Amino acid sequence: MSTTATTAPRTAPLAPRRRRRLKPGWLVLNSNVVLTFLFLYAPILILVIFSFNASRQQAVWVGFTIEWYGQMMRDERVIA
């Protein structure tokens, strides 16, 4: 009985991958997509942040509260 281990044949090392050159149109397209998403989602994010404001005026930040969400949940028009 032989106790020699068999080894897999050695393979050549992988050749380094070439980096693909980015086309100028790719950068313009991706930046337009990013700007469009920012334009759409930034107002929603700002609205959510200011919904936790304790002041009745949205322009002045007074403190953190969830009072407005409590009032909304007690409002019959929202619940119905």
PDB file of N, CA and C in Angstrom:
ATOM      1  N   MET A   1       0.843  -1.164   0.000  1.00  0.00           N
ATOM      2  CA  MET A   1       0.000   0.000   0.000  1.00  0.00           C
ATOM      3  C   MET A   1       0.893   1.234   0.000  1.00  0.00           C
ATOM      4  N   SER A   2       0.595   2.139  -0.892  1.00  0.00           N
ATOM      5  CA  SER A   2       1.420   3.333  -1.043  1.00  0.00           C
ATOM      6  C   SER A   2       0.826   4.484  -0.237  1.00  0.00           C
ATOM      7  N   THR A   3       1.660   5.249   0.405  1.00  0.00           N
ATOM      8  CA  THR A   3       1.189   6.375   1.221  1.00  0.00           C
ATOM      9  C   THR A   3       1.528   7.720   0.600  1.00  0.00           C
ATOM     10  N   THR A   4       1.911   7.715  -0.640  1.00  0.00           N
ATOM     11  CA  THR A   4       2.246   8.990  -1.276  1.00  0.00           C
ATOM     12  C   THR A   4       0.966   9.704  -1.676  1.00  0.00           C
ATOM     13  N   ALA A   5       0.947  10.969  -1.425  1.00  0.00           N
ATOM     14  CA  ALA A   5      -0.232  11.770  -1.766  1.00  0.00           C
ATOM     15  C   ALA A   5      -0.130  12.220  -3.214  1.00  0.00           C
ATOM     16  N   THR A   6      -1.253  12.251  -3.847  1.00  0.00           N
ATOM     17  CA  THR A   6      -1.265  12.734  -5.219  1.00  0.00           C
ATOM     18  C   THR A   6      -1.533  14.232  -5.194  1.00  0.00           C
ATOM     19  N   THR A   7      -0.859  14.923  -6.043  1.00  0.00           N
ATOM     20  CA  THR A   7      -1.050  16.373  -6.112  1.00  0.00           C
ATOM     21  C   THR A   7      -1.666  16.726  -7.446  1.00  0.00           C
ATOM     22  N   ALA A   8      -2.438  17.759  -7.415  1.00  0.00           N
ATOM     23  CA  ALA A   8      -3.061  18.220  -8.646  1.00  0.00           C
ATOM     24  C   ALA A   8      -1.999  18.856  -9.528  1.00  0.00           C
ATOM     25  N   PRO A   9      -2.171  18.757 -10.813  1.00  0.00           N
ATOM     26  CA  PRO A   9      -1.186  19.380 -11.698  1.00  0.00           C
ATOM     27  C   PRO A   9      -1.179  20.902 -11.490  1.00  0.00           C
ATOM     28  N   ARG A  10      -0.017  21.473 -11.545  1.00  0.00           N
ATOM     29  CA  ARG A  10       0.099  22.918 -11.347  1.00  0.00           C
ATOM     30  C   ARG A  10      -0.450  23.637 -12.569  1.00  0.00           C
ATOM     31  N   THR A  11      -1.150  24.717 -12.301  1.00  0.00           N
ATOM     32  CA  THR A  11      -1.690  25.528 -13.389  1.00  0.00           C
ATOM     33  C   THR A  11      -0.913  26.826 -13.458  1.00  0.00           C
ATOM     34  N   ALA A  12      -0.961  27.426 -14.587  1.00  0.00           N
ATOM     35  CA  ALA A  12      -0.258  28.699 -14.768  1.00  0.00           C
ATOM     36  C   ALA A  12      -0.972  29.779 -13.955  1.00  0.00           C
ATOM     37  N   PRO A  13      -0.227  30.720 -13.400  1.00  0.00           N
ATOM     38  CA  PRO A  13      -0.878  31.795 -12.645  1.00  0.00           C
ATOM     39  C   PRO A  13      -1.762  32.626 -13.563  1.00  0.00           C
ATOM     40  N   LEU A  14      -2.819  33.161 -12.978  1.00  0.00           N
ATOM     41  CA  LEU A  14      -3.739  33.972 -13.761  1.00  0.00           C
ATOM     42  C   LEU A  14      -3.066  35.260 -14.206  1.00  0.00           C
ATOM     43  N   ALA A  15      -3.347  35.633 -15.422  1.00  0.00           N
ATOM     44  CA  ALA A  15      -2.802  36.891 -15.928  1.00  0.00           C
ATOM     45  C   ALA A  15      -3.545  38.045 -15.260  1.00  0.00           C
ATOM     46  N   PRO A  16      -2.856  39.120 -14.942  1.00  0.00           N
ATOM     47  CA  PRO A  16      -3.549  40.247 -14.313  1.00  0.00           C
ATOM     48  C   PRO A  16      -4.609  40.807 -15.253  1.00  0.00           C
ATOM     49  N   ARG A  17      -5.744  41.156 -14.660  1.00  0.00           N
ATOM     50  CA  ARG A  17      -6.834  41.687 -15.475  1.00  0.00           C
ATOM     51  C   ARG A  17      -6.538  43.124 -15.871  1.00  0.00           C
ATOM     52  N   ARG A  18      -6.907  43.433 -17.065  1.00  0.00           N
ATOM     53  CA  ARG A  18      -6.780  44.816 -17.509  1.00  0.00           C
ATOM     54  C   ARG A  18      -7.973  45.603 -17.011  1.00  0.00           C
ATOM     55  N   ARG A  19      -7.711  46.799 -16.588  1.00  0.00           N
ATOM     56  CA  ARG A  19      -8.819  47.672 -16.198  1.00  0.00           C
ATOM     57  C   ARG A  19      -9.453  48.223 -17.457  1.00  0.00           C
ATOM     58  N   ARG A  20     -10.759  48.127 -17.498  1.00  0.00           N
ATOM     59  CA  ARG A  20     -11.454  48.680 -18.651  1.00  0.00           C
ATOM     60  C   ARG A  20     -11.443  50.192 -18.568  1.00  0.00           C
ATOM     61  N   ARG A  21     -11.244  50.817 -19.666  1.00  0.00           N
ATOM     62  CA  ARG A  21     -11.310  52.271 -19.692  1.00  0.00           C
ATOM     63  C   ARG A  21     -12.760  52.692 -19.655  1.00  0.00           C
ATOM     64  N   LEU A  22     -13.042  53.665 -18.813  1.00  0.00           N
ATOM     65  CA  LEU A  22     -14.399  54.173 -18.723  1.00  0.00           C
ATOM     66  C   LEU A  22     -14.620  55.195 -19.819  1.00  0.00           C
ATOM     67  N   LYS A  23     -15.731  55.065 -20.470  1.00  0.00           N
ATOM     68  CA  LYS A  23     -16.054  56.006 -21.527  1.00  0.00           C
ATOM     69  C   LYS A  23     -16.587  57.288 -20.901  1.00  0.00           C
ATOM     70  N   PRO A  24     -16.366  58.436 -21.531  1.00  0.00           N
ATOM     71  CA  PRO A  24     -16.853  59.696 -20.958  1.00  0.00           C
ATOM     72  C   PRO A  24     -18.369  59.715 -20.794  1.00  0.00           C
ATOM     73  N   GLY A  25     -19.084  59.078 -21.667  1.00  0.00           N
ATOM     74  CA  GLY A  25     -20.542  59.044 -21.564  1.00  0.00           C
ATOM     75  C   GLY A  25     -21.021  58.311 -20.324  1.00  0.00           C
ATOM     76  N   TRP A  26     -20.239  57.343 -19.865  1.00  0.00           N
ATOM     77  CA  TRP A  26     -20.588  56.586 -18.662  1.00  0.00           C
ATOM     78  C   TRP A  26     -20.611  57.496 -17.453  1.00  0.00           C
ATOM     79  N   LEU A  27     -19.631  58.370 -17.330  1.00  0.00           N
ATOM     80  CA  LEU A  27     -19.556  59.286 -16.198  1.00  0.00           C
ATOM     81  C   LEU A  27     -20.720  60.270 -16.223  1.00  0.00           C
ATOM     82  N   VAL A  28     -21.054  60.780 -17.380  1.00  0.00           N
ATOM     83  CA  VAL A  28     -22.169  61.722 -17.504  1.00  0.00           C
ATOM     84  C   VAL A  28     -23.476  61.037 -17.146  1.00  0.00           C
ATOM     85  N   LEU A  29     -23.676  59.835 -17.627  1.00  0.00           N
ATOM     86  CA  LEU A  29     -24.910  59.105 -17.343  1.00  0.00           C
ATOM     87  C   LEU A  29     -25.041  58.815 -15.858  1.00  0.00           C
ATOM     88  N   ASN A  30     -23.984  58.315 -15.238  1.00  0.00           N
ATOM     89  CA  ASN A  30     -24.051  57.996 -13.812  1.00  0.00           C
ATOM     90  C   ASN A  30     -24.237  59.232 -12.959  1.00  0.00           C
ATOM     91  N   SER A  31     -23.589  60.329 -13.301  1.00  0.00           N
ATOM     92  CA  SER A  31     -23.777  61.544 -12.509  1.00  0.00           C
ATOM     93  C   SER A  31     -25.192  62.077 -12.686  1.00  0.00           C
ATOM     94  N   ASN A  32     -25.775  61.932 -13.859  1.00  0.00           N
ATOM     95  CA  ASN A  32     -27.170  62.352 -14.047  1.00  0.00           C
ATOM     96  C   ASN A  32     -28.115  61.493 -13.218  1.00  0.00           C
ATOM     97  N   VAL A  33     -27.849  60.218 -13.143  1.00  0.00           N
ATOM     98  CA  VAL A  33     -28.686  59.323 -12.338  1.00  0.00           C
ATOM     99  C   VAL A  33     -28.590  59.696 -10.865  1.00  0.00           C
ATOM    100  N   VAL A  34     -27.376  59.933 -10.383  1.00  0.00           N
ATOM    101  CA  VAL A  34     -27.184  60.302  -8.979  1.00  0.00           C
ATOM    102  C   VAL A  34     -27.878  61.625  -8.676  1.00  0.00           C
ATOM    103  N   LEU A  35     -27.716  62.609  -9.530  1.00  0.00           N
ATOM    104  CA  LEU A  35     -28.362  63.910  -9.310  1.00  0.00           C
ATOM    105  C   LEU A  35     -29.882  63.796  -9.340  1.00  0.00           C
ATOM    106  N   THR A  36     -30.412  62.950 -10.198  1.00  0.00           N
ATOM    107  CA  THR A  36     -31.863  62.761 -10.257  1.00  0.00           C
ATOM    108  C   THR A  36     -32.380  62.145  -8.965  1.00  0.00           C
ATOM    109  N   PHE A  37     -31.695  61.129  -8.457  1.00  0.00           N
ATOM    110  CA  PHE A  37     -32.123  60.522  -7.195  1.00  0.00           C
ATOM    111  C   PHE A  37     -32.002  61.501  -6.039  1.00  0.00           C
ATOM    112  N   LEU A  38     -30.953  62.304  -6.013  1.00  0.00           N
ATOM    113  CA  LEU A  38     -30.833  63.327  -4.972  1.00  0.00           C
ATOM    114  C   LEU A  38     -31.974  64.334  -5.064  1.00  0.00           C
ATOM    115  N   PHE A  39     -32.302  64.746  -6.277  1.00  0.00           N
ATOM    116  CA  PHE A  39     -33.388  65.700  -6.483  1.00  0.00           C
ATOM    117  C   PHE A  39     -34.719  65.128  -5.997  1.00  0.00           C
ATOM    118  N   LEU A  40     -34.929  63.838  -6.173  1.00  0.00           N
ATOM    119  CA  LEU A  40     -36.192  63.223  -5.774  1.00  0.00           C
ATOM    120  C   LEU A  40     -36.249  62.901  -4.282  1.00  0.00           C
ATOM    121  N   TYR A  41     -35.155  62.416  -3.715  1.00  0.00           N
ATOM    122  CA  TYR A  41     -35.194  61.924  -2.338  1.00  0.00           C
ATOM    123  C   TYR A  41     -34.755  62.930  -1.284  1.00  0.00           C
ATOM    124  N   ALA A  42     -34.028  63.967  -1.639  1.00  0.00           N
ATOM    125  CA  ALA A  42     -33.586  64.959  -0.647  1.00  0.00           C
ATOM    126  C   ALA A  42     -34.763  65.656   0.036  1.00  0.00           C
ATOM    127  N   PRO A  43     -35.800  66.104  -0.683  1.00  0.00           N
ATOM    128  CA  PRO A  43     -36.935  66.731   0.014  1.00  0.00           C
ATOM    129  C   PRO A  43     -37.649  65.779   0.972  1.00  0.00           C
ATOM    130  N   ILE A  44     -37.750  64.517   0.614  1.00  0.00           N
ATOM    131  CA  ILE A  44     -38.398  63.547   1.500  1.00  0.00           C
ATOM    132  C   ILE A  44     -37.567  63.365   2.763  1.00  0.00           C
ATOM    133  N   LEU A  45     -36.263  63.268   2.616  1.00  0.00           N
ATOM    134  CA  LEU A  45     -35.379  63.121   3.768  1.00  0.00           C
ATOM    135  C   LEU A  45     -35.451  64.347   4.677  1.00  0.00           C
ATOM    136  N   ILE A  46     -35.468  65.528   4.104  1.00  0.00           N
ATOM    137  CA  ILE A  46     -35.576  66.758   4.901  1.00  0.00           C
ATOM    138  C   ILE A  46     -36.913  66.800   5.623  1.00  0.00           C
ATOM    139  N   LEU A  47     -37.979  66.396   4.971  1.00  0.00           N
ATOM    140  CA  LEU A  47     -39.298  66.368   5.595  1.00  0.00           C
ATOM    141  C   LEU A  47     -39.317  65.417   6.784  1.00  0.00           C
ATOM    142  N   VAL A  48     -38.724  64.254   6.644  1.00  0.00           N
ATOM    143  CA  VAL A  48     -38.680  63.287   7.743  1.00  0.00           C
ATOM    144  C   VAL A  48     -37.861  63.840   8.902  1.00  0.00           C
ATOM    145  N   ILE A  49     -36.741  64.465   8.622  1.00  0.00           N
ATOM    146  CA  ILE A  49     -35.909  65.028   9.687  1.00  0.00           C
ATOM    147  C   ILE A  49     -36.662  66.117  10.440  1.00  0.00           C
ATOM    148  N   PHE A  50     -37.307  67.024   9.715  1.00  0.00           N
ATOM    149  CA  PHE A  50     -38.008  68.121  10.371  1.00  0.00           C
ATOM    150  C   PHE A  50     -39.329  67.684  10.998  1.00  0.00           C
ATOM    151  N   SER A  51     -39.802  66.488  10.714  1.00  0.00           N
ATOM    152  CA  SER A  51     -41.029  66.021  11.363  1.00  0.00           C
ATOM    153  C   SER A  51     -40.804  65.718  12.839  1.00  0.00           C
ATOM    154  N   PHE A  52     -39.565  65.599  13.262  1.00  0.00           N
ATOM    155  CA  PHE A  52     -39.245  65.371  14.672  1.00  0.00           C
ATOM    156  C   PHE A  52     -38.935  66.673  15.413  1.00  0.00           C
ATOM    157  N   ASN A  53     -39.167  67.816  14.790  1.00  0.00           N
ATOM    158  CA  ASN A  53     -38.902  69.118  15.394  1.00  0.00           C
ATOM    159  C   ASN A  53     -39.975  69.429  16.430  1.00  0.00           C
ATOM    160  N   ALA A  54     -39.579  69.947  17.584  1.00  0.00           N
ATOM    161  CA  ALA A  54     -40.526  70.269  18.650  1.00  0.00           C
ATOM    162  C   ALA A  54     -41.215  71.606  18.418  1.00  0.00           C
ATOM    163  N   SER A  55     -40.704  72.433  17.536  1.00  0.00           N
ATOM    164  CA  SER A  55     -41.280  73.753  17.289  1.00  0.00           C
ATOM    165  C   SER A  55     -42.456  73.653  16.327  1.00  0.00           C
ATOM    166  N   ARG A  56     -43.399  74.577  16.459  1.00  0.00           N
ATOM    167  CA  ARG A  56     -44.515  74.611  15.511  1.00  0.00           C
ATOM    168  C   ARG A  56     -44.064  75.215  14.186  1.00  0.00           C
ATOM    169  N   GLN A  57     -42.997  75.995  14.217  1.00  0.00           N
ATOM    170  CA  GLN A  57     -42.434  76.555  12.990  1.00  0.00           C
ATOM    171  C   GLN A  57     -41.350  75.608  12.486  1.00  0.00           C
ATOM    172  N   GLN A  58     -41.438  75.238  11.245  1.00  0.00           N
ATOM    173  CA  GLN A  58     -40.473  74.272  10.718  1.00  0.00           C
ATOM    174  C   GLN A  58     -39.099  74.881  10.473  1.00  0.00           C
ATOM    175  N   ALA A  59     -39.021  76.215  10.329  1.00  0.00           N
ATOM    176  CA  ALA A  59     -37.738  76.846  10.023  1.00  0.00           C
ATOM    177  C   ALA A  59     -36.820  76.913  11.238  1.00  0.00           C
ATOM    178  N   VAL A  60     -37.391  76.839  12.450  1.00  0.00           N
ATOM    179  CA  VAL A  60     -36.597  76.965  13.667  1.00  0.00           C
ATOM    180  C   VAL A  60     -36.569  75.611  14.369  1.00  0.00           C
ATOM    181  N   TRP A  61     -35.377  75.070  14.568  1.00  0.00           N
ATOM    182  CA  TRP A  61     -35.247  73.785  15.258  1.00  0.00           C
ATOM    183  C   TRP A  61     -35.177  74.043  16.754  1.00  0.00           C
ATOM    184  N   VAL A  62     -36.125  73.472  17.508  1.00  0.00           N
ATOM    185  CA  VAL A  62     -36.170  73.675  18.952  1.00  0.00           C
ATOM    186  C   VAL A  62     -35.655  72.444  19.682  1.00  0.00           C
ATOM    187  N   GLY A  63     -36.096  71.293  19.298  1.00  0.00           N
ATOM    188  CA  GLY A  63     -35.675  70.067  19.966  1.00  0.00           C
ATOM    189  C   GLY A  63     -36.312  68.867  19.311  1.00  0.00           C
ATOM    190  N   PHE A  64     -36.016  67.705  19.853  1.00  0.00           N
ATOM    191  CA  PHE A  64     -36.498  66.445  19.289  1.00  0.00           C
ATOM    192  C   PHE A  64     -37.784  66.035  19.986  1.00  0.00           C
ATOM    193  N   THR A  65     -38.802  65.657  19.208  1.00  0.00           N
ATOM    194  CA  THR A  65     -40.059  65.184  19.772  1.00  0.00           C
ATOM    195  C   THR A  65     -40.760  64.253  18.791  1.00  0.00           C
ATOM    196  N   ILE A  66     -41.619  63.398  19.350  1.00  0.00           N
ATOM    197  CA  ILE A  66     -42.494  62.581  18.501  1.00  0.00           C
ATOM    198  C   ILE A  66     -43.955  62.974  18.745  1.00  0.00           C
ATOM    199  N   GLU A  67     -44.139  64.167  19.307  1.00  0.00           N
ATOM    200  CA  GLU A  67     -45.486  64.664  19.620  1.00  0.00           C
ATOM    201  C   GLU A  67     -46.376  64.711  18.381  1.00  0.00           C
ATOM    202  N   TRP A  68     -45.822  65.133  17.257  1.00  0.00           N
ATOM    203  CA  TRP A  68     -46.638  65.276  16.047  1.00  0.00           C
ATOM    204  C   TRP A  68     -47.122  63.912  15.553  1.00  0.00           C
ATOM    205  N   TYR A  69     -46.332  62.895  15.732  1.00  0.00           N
ATOM    206  CA  TYR A  69     -46.770  61.551  15.342  1.00  0.00           C
ATOM    207  C   TYR A  69     -47.863  61.048  16.286  1.00  0.00           C
ATOM    208  N   GLY A  70     -47.781  61.408  17.563  1.00  0.00           N
ATOM    209  CA  GLY A  70     -48.840  61.057  18.513  1.00  0.00           C
ATOM    210  C   GLY A  70     -50.148  61.738  18.165  1.00  0.00           C
ATOM    211  N   GLN A  71     -50.078  63.022  17.803  1.00  0.00           N
ATOM    212  CA  GLN A  71     -51.289  63.737  17.394  1.00  0.00           C
ATOM    213  C   GLN A  71     -51.883  63.125  16.130  1.00  0.00           C
ATOM    214  N   MET A  72     -51.041  62.725  15.226  1.00  0.00           N
ATOM    215  CA  MET A  72     -51.532  62.123  13.991  1.00  0.00           C
ATOM    216  C   MET A  72     -52.255  60.806  14.281  1.00  0.00           C
ATOM    217  N   MET A  73     -51.736  60.008  15.193  1.00  0.00           N
ATOM    218  CA  MET A  73     -52.360  58.725  15.508  1.00  0.00           C
ATOM    219  C   MET A  73     -53.667  58.889  16.284  1.00  0.00           C
ATOM    220  N   ARG A  74     -53.851  60.010  16.960  1.00  0.00           N
ATOM    221  CA  ARG A  74     -55.102  60.264  17.674  1.00  0.00           C
ATOM    222  C   ARG A  74     -56.158  60.917  16.790  1.00  0.00           C
ATOM    223  N   ASP A  75     -55.773  61.366  15.612  1.00  0.00           N
ATOM    224  CA  ASP A  75     -56.700  62.053  14.711  1.00  0.00           C
ATOM    225  C   ASP A  75     -57.616  61.025  14.039  1.00  0.00           C
ATOM    226  N   GLU A  76     -58.920  61.239  14.181  1.00  0.00           N
ATOM    227  CA  GLU A  76     -59.905  60.300  13.612  1.00  0.00           C
ATOM    228  C   GLU A  76     -59.843  60.254  12.090  1.00  0.00           C
ATOM    229  N   ARG A  77     -59.472  61.354  11.456  1.00  0.00           N
ATOM    230  CA  ARG A  77     -59.415  61.371   9.991  1.00  0.00           C
ATOM    231  C   ARG A  77     -58.296  60.473   9.468  1.00  0.00           C
ATOM    232  N   VAL A  78     -57.237  60.340  10.236  1.00  0.00           N
ATOM    233  CA  VAL A  78     -56.123  59.493   9.808  1.00  0.00           C
ATOM    234  C   VAL A  78     -56.439  58.029  10.082  1.00  0.00           C
ATOM    235  N   ILE A  79     -57.042  57.759  11.235  1.00  0.00           N
ATOM    236  CA  ILE A  79     -57.337  56.384  11.633  1.00  0.00           C
ATOM    237  C   ILE A  79     -58.418  55.775  10.750  1.00  0.00           C
ATOM    238  N   ALA A  80     -59.410  56.553  10.377  1.00  0.00           N
ATOM    239  CA  ALA A  80     -60.548  56.027   9.602  1.00  0.00           C
ATOM    240  C   ALA A  80     -60.199  55.674   8.198  1.00  0.00           C
TER     241      ALA A  80
END
